[in-house]
N, C-alpha and C. Protein backbone atom coordinates (compact mmCIF):
# COMPACT_ATOMS: atom_id res chain seq x y z
N MET A 1 -19.18 -8.87 40.43
CA MET A 1 -17.82 -9.19 40.10
C MET A 1 -17.76 -9.64 38.64
N ARG A 2 -16.82 -9.07 37.91
CA ARG A 2 -16.64 -9.43 36.50
C ARG A 2 -15.51 -10.42 36.38
N HIS A 3 -15.73 -11.44 35.60
CA HIS A 3 -14.70 -12.43 35.36
C HIS A 3 -13.85 -12.02 34.17
N ILE A 4 -12.59 -12.24 34.31
CA ILE A 4 -11.67 -11.96 33.22
C ILE A 4 -11.54 -13.23 32.40
N VAL A 5 -11.82 -13.12 31.12
CA VAL A 5 -11.71 -14.27 30.24
C VAL A 5 -10.53 -14.08 29.30
N THR A 6 -10.03 -15.15 28.80
CA THR A 6 -8.89 -15.07 27.88
C THR A 6 -9.38 -14.69 26.50
N VAL A 7 -8.47 -14.28 25.71
CA VAL A 7 -8.78 -13.93 24.32
C VAL A 7 -8.43 -15.09 23.41
N GLN A 8 -8.43 -16.29 23.94
CA GLN A 8 -8.07 -17.48 23.17
C GLN A 8 -8.93 -17.60 21.91
N ASP A 9 -10.26 -17.40 22.07
CA ASP A 9 -11.14 -17.55 20.91
C ASP A 9 -10.81 -16.51 19.85
N ALA A 10 -10.52 -15.29 20.26
CA ALA A 10 -10.20 -14.25 19.29
C ALA A 10 -8.88 -14.52 18.59
N VAL A 11 -7.93 -15.06 19.31
CA VAL A 11 -6.61 -15.32 18.73
C VAL A 11 -6.66 -16.50 17.78
N THR A 12 -7.37 -17.54 18.17
CA THR A 12 -7.40 -18.74 17.35
C THR A 12 -8.53 -18.71 16.32
N ALA A 13 -9.24 -17.60 16.23
CA ALA A 13 -10.35 -17.52 15.29
C ALA A 13 -9.86 -17.47 13.84
N PHE A 14 -8.62 -17.12 13.62
CA PHE A 14 -8.10 -16.98 12.28
C PHE A 14 -7.59 -18.33 11.80
N GLU A 15 -8.39 -19.01 11.06
CA GLU A 15 -8.05 -20.33 10.55
C GLU A 15 -7.36 -20.21 9.20
N SER A 16 -6.87 -21.32 8.71
CA SER A 16 -6.13 -21.31 7.44
C SER A 16 -7.01 -20.88 6.27
N TRP A 17 -8.32 -21.10 6.37
CA TRP A 17 -9.20 -20.70 5.27
C TRP A 17 -9.37 -19.19 5.20
N MET A 18 -8.86 -18.49 6.19
CA MET A 18 -8.97 -17.03 6.20
C MET A 18 -7.74 -16.37 5.57
N GLU A 19 -6.83 -17.17 5.05
CA GLU A 19 -5.64 -16.62 4.38
C GLU A 19 -6.05 -15.93 3.09
N PRO A 20 -5.23 -15.01 2.60
CA PRO A 20 -5.56 -14.35 1.33
C PRO A 20 -5.62 -15.35 0.18
N THR A 21 -6.52 -15.10 -0.72
CA THR A 21 -6.65 -15.97 -1.89
C THR A 21 -5.54 -15.63 -2.89
N ASP A 22 -5.42 -16.49 -3.89
CA ASP A 22 -4.42 -16.23 -4.94
C ASP A 22 -4.74 -14.93 -5.67
N ALA A 23 -6.02 -14.67 -5.89
CA ALA A 23 -6.41 -13.43 -6.57
C ALA A 23 -6.04 -12.21 -5.74
N GLU A 24 -6.21 -12.28 -4.43
CA GLU A 24 -5.84 -11.16 -3.58
C GLU A 24 -4.33 -10.95 -3.56
N LEU A 25 -3.58 -12.03 -3.52
CA LEU A 25 -2.12 -11.92 -3.56
C LEU A 25 -1.65 -11.35 -4.89
N ASP A 26 -2.30 -11.74 -5.99
CA ASP A 26 -1.97 -11.18 -7.30
C ASP A 26 -2.26 -9.68 -7.34
N ALA A 27 -3.36 -9.28 -6.73
CA ALA A 27 -3.71 -7.84 -6.69
C ALA A 27 -2.66 -7.07 -5.90
N ILE A 28 -2.18 -7.65 -4.82
CA ILE A 28 -1.13 -6.99 -4.03
C ILE A 28 0.15 -6.88 -4.85
N ASP A 29 0.49 -7.94 -5.59
CA ASP A 29 1.67 -7.89 -6.44
C ASP A 29 1.56 -6.81 -7.51
N ARG A 30 0.36 -6.66 -8.07
CA ARG A 30 0.16 -5.62 -9.09
C ARG A 30 0.28 -4.22 -8.48
N GLU A 31 -0.12 -4.06 -7.23
CA GLU A 31 -0.08 -2.75 -6.58
C GLU A 31 1.27 -2.45 -5.93
N MET A 32 2.15 -3.42 -5.86
CA MET A 32 3.42 -3.25 -5.15
C MET A 32 4.26 -2.07 -5.66
N PRO A 33 4.39 -1.83 -6.98
CA PRO A 33 5.17 -0.66 -7.41
C PRO A 33 4.60 0.66 -6.88
N VAL A 34 3.28 0.76 -6.82
CA VAL A 34 2.65 1.98 -6.29
C VAL A 34 2.92 2.09 -4.79
N ILE A 35 2.82 0.99 -4.09
CA ILE A 35 3.06 0.99 -2.65
C ILE A 35 4.49 1.41 -2.34
N LEU A 36 5.44 0.84 -3.06
CA LEU A 36 6.85 1.17 -2.83
C LEU A 36 7.16 2.62 -3.18
N ALA A 37 6.55 3.13 -4.25
CA ALA A 37 6.76 4.53 -4.62
C ALA A 37 6.17 5.46 -3.56
N ASP A 38 5.02 5.09 -3.00
CA ASP A 38 4.42 5.90 -1.93
C ASP A 38 5.28 5.87 -0.67
N VAL A 39 5.89 4.72 -0.38
CA VAL A 39 6.77 4.62 0.78
C VAL A 39 7.99 5.52 0.59
N ASP A 40 8.55 5.54 -0.62
CA ASP A 40 9.69 6.42 -0.89
C ASP A 40 9.31 7.88 -0.71
N LEU A 41 8.11 8.24 -1.18
CA LEU A 41 7.64 9.62 -1.01
C LEU A 41 7.47 9.96 0.47
N LEU A 42 6.88 9.06 1.22
CA LEU A 42 6.72 9.31 2.66
C LEU A 42 8.07 9.42 3.36
N ASP A 43 9.02 8.59 2.97
CA ASP A 43 10.37 8.68 3.55
C ASP A 43 10.98 10.05 3.29
N ALA A 44 10.84 10.53 2.07
CA ALA A 44 11.39 11.83 1.72
C ALA A 44 10.70 12.94 2.51
N GLN A 45 9.41 12.83 2.70
CA GLN A 45 8.68 13.86 3.45
C GLN A 45 8.98 13.78 4.94
N ILE A 46 9.11 12.58 5.48
CA ILE A 46 9.38 12.42 6.91
C ILE A 46 10.75 12.99 7.27
N MET A 47 11.71 12.87 6.37
CA MET A 47 13.05 13.38 6.65
C MET A 47 13.05 14.88 6.88
N THR A 48 12.07 15.58 6.36
CA THR A 48 12.07 17.04 6.47
C THR A 48 11.11 17.55 7.55
N LEU A 49 10.55 16.68 8.35
CA LEU A 49 9.59 17.12 9.36
C LEU A 49 10.22 17.95 10.46
N ASP A 50 11.43 17.62 10.87
CA ASP A 50 12.04 18.29 12.01
C ASP A 50 13.09 19.33 11.62
N ARG A 51 13.14 19.67 10.35
CA ARG A 51 14.11 20.68 9.92
C ARG A 51 13.59 21.38 8.67
N VAL A 52 14.22 22.46 8.36
CA VAL A 52 13.86 23.20 7.15
C VAL A 52 14.39 22.43 5.95
N PRO A 53 13.54 22.13 4.97
CA PRO A 53 14.01 21.36 3.81
C PRO A 53 15.07 22.13 3.02
N THR A 54 16.12 21.42 2.67
CA THR A 54 17.15 22.01 1.82
C THR A 54 16.73 21.85 0.36
N GLU A 55 17.53 22.41 -0.52
CA GLU A 55 17.25 22.26 -1.95
C GLU A 55 17.31 20.79 -2.35
N PHE A 56 18.27 20.07 -1.77
CA PHE A 56 18.38 18.64 -2.05
C PHE A 56 17.12 17.89 -1.58
N ASP A 57 16.61 18.25 -0.40
CA ASP A 57 15.38 17.62 0.11
C ASP A 57 14.21 17.89 -0.81
N GLU A 58 14.10 19.12 -1.28
CA GLU A 58 12.99 19.47 -2.17
C GLU A 58 13.08 18.69 -3.48
N ARG A 59 14.29 18.53 -4.01
CA ARG A 59 14.45 17.74 -5.24
C ARG A 59 14.10 16.27 -4.99
N ARG A 60 14.51 15.76 -3.85
CA ARG A 60 14.20 14.36 -3.52
C ARG A 60 12.69 14.16 -3.41
N ILE A 61 11.99 15.09 -2.79
CA ILE A 61 10.53 14.99 -2.67
C ILE A 61 9.88 15.09 -4.04
N ARG A 62 10.35 16.01 -4.87
CA ARG A 62 9.78 16.13 -6.22
C ARG A 62 9.99 14.86 -7.03
N ARG A 63 11.20 14.29 -6.97
CA ARG A 63 11.46 13.04 -7.69
C ARG A 63 10.58 11.91 -7.17
N ALA A 64 10.45 11.81 -5.86
CA ALA A 64 9.62 10.75 -5.27
C ALA A 64 8.15 10.95 -5.65
N ARG A 65 7.70 12.20 -5.69
CA ARG A 65 6.31 12.48 -6.09
C ARG A 65 6.09 12.09 -7.55
N ARG A 66 7.07 12.39 -8.41
CA ARG A 66 6.94 12.01 -9.82
C ARG A 66 6.95 10.50 -9.99
N ARG A 67 7.80 9.79 -9.23
CA ARG A 67 7.82 8.32 -9.30
C ARG A 67 6.49 7.73 -8.83
N ALA A 68 5.93 8.29 -7.77
CA ALA A 68 4.65 7.79 -7.27
C ALA A 68 3.55 8.01 -8.31
N LEU A 69 3.55 9.17 -8.93
CA LEU A 69 2.55 9.45 -9.96
C LEU A 69 2.75 8.53 -11.16
N ALA A 70 4.00 8.34 -11.58
CA ALA A 70 4.28 7.45 -12.72
C ALA A 70 3.86 6.01 -12.41
N ALA A 71 4.07 5.57 -11.18
CA ALA A 71 3.66 4.21 -10.81
C ALA A 71 2.14 4.07 -10.86
N ARG A 72 1.43 5.10 -10.41
CA ARG A 72 -0.04 5.06 -10.47
C ARG A 72 -0.53 5.06 -11.91
N VAL A 73 0.08 5.86 -12.76
CA VAL A 73 -0.31 5.89 -14.17
C VAL A 73 -0.04 4.54 -14.82
N ALA A 74 1.12 3.96 -14.54
CA ALA A 74 1.44 2.65 -15.11
C ALA A 74 0.45 1.59 -14.65
N GLN A 75 0.06 1.65 -13.39
CA GLN A 75 -0.91 0.68 -12.89
C GLN A 75 -2.26 0.87 -13.57
N LEU A 76 -2.68 2.10 -13.74
CA LEU A 76 -3.95 2.36 -14.42
C LEU A 76 -3.91 1.91 -15.87
N ASN A 77 -2.78 2.12 -16.53
CA ASN A 77 -2.66 1.69 -17.92
C ASN A 77 -2.70 0.17 -18.04
N GLN A 78 -2.13 -0.53 -17.06
CA GLN A 78 -2.15 -2.00 -17.09
C GLN A 78 -3.54 -2.55 -16.85
N THR A 79 -4.31 -1.91 -15.98
CA THR A 79 -5.63 -2.42 -15.64
C THR A 79 -6.73 -1.86 -16.53
N ALA A 80 -6.39 -1.00 -17.47
CA ALA A 80 -7.42 -0.39 -18.32
C ALA A 80 -8.10 -1.43 -19.19
N GLY A 81 -7.38 -2.42 -19.65
CA GLY A 81 -7.97 -3.41 -20.55
C GLY A 81 -8.47 -4.66 -19.82
N VAL A 82 -8.29 -4.72 -18.50
CA VAL A 82 -8.69 -5.89 -17.75
C VAL A 82 -10.12 -5.71 -17.26
N SER A 83 -10.96 -6.72 -17.51
CA SER A 83 -12.33 -6.63 -17.01
C SER A 83 -12.39 -7.12 -15.58
N LEU A 84 -13.21 -6.49 -14.79
CA LEU A 84 -13.32 -6.82 -13.38
C LEU A 84 -14.35 -7.94 -13.19
N PRO A 85 -14.13 -8.81 -12.22
CA PRO A 85 -15.11 -9.87 -11.97
C PRO A 85 -16.41 -9.31 -11.43
N GLY A 86 -17.49 -9.99 -11.73
CA GLY A 86 -18.79 -9.55 -11.23
C GLY A 86 -19.48 -8.57 -12.15
N GLY A 87 -18.90 -8.30 -13.29
CA GLY A 87 -19.54 -7.42 -14.25
C GLY A 87 -19.39 -5.94 -13.93
N ALA A 88 -18.50 -5.59 -13.01
CA ALA A 88 -18.30 -4.17 -12.68
C ALA A 88 -17.58 -3.50 -13.83
N ALA A 89 -17.94 -2.28 -14.09
CA ALA A 89 -17.32 -1.57 -15.20
C ALA A 89 -16.54 -0.39 -14.69
């Protein structure tokens, strides 16, 4: 016979010291424009999954793809002069 145990330990295992650090939150803030641009691109692509894309849909996807690419380029340009911790190059 197998005993059923609660998942109390697994649920309460996440203590306050496991919260994201300030550096991790800053990294998320720096990546947020890229994340939002990717979400816009996915939204544009999802809208066309169940139907034939119209010319307007194709333009929307192209614009969203360009915004996502521009956000990635801007992020790379911002981080180009920043040195990474730990001596990584």
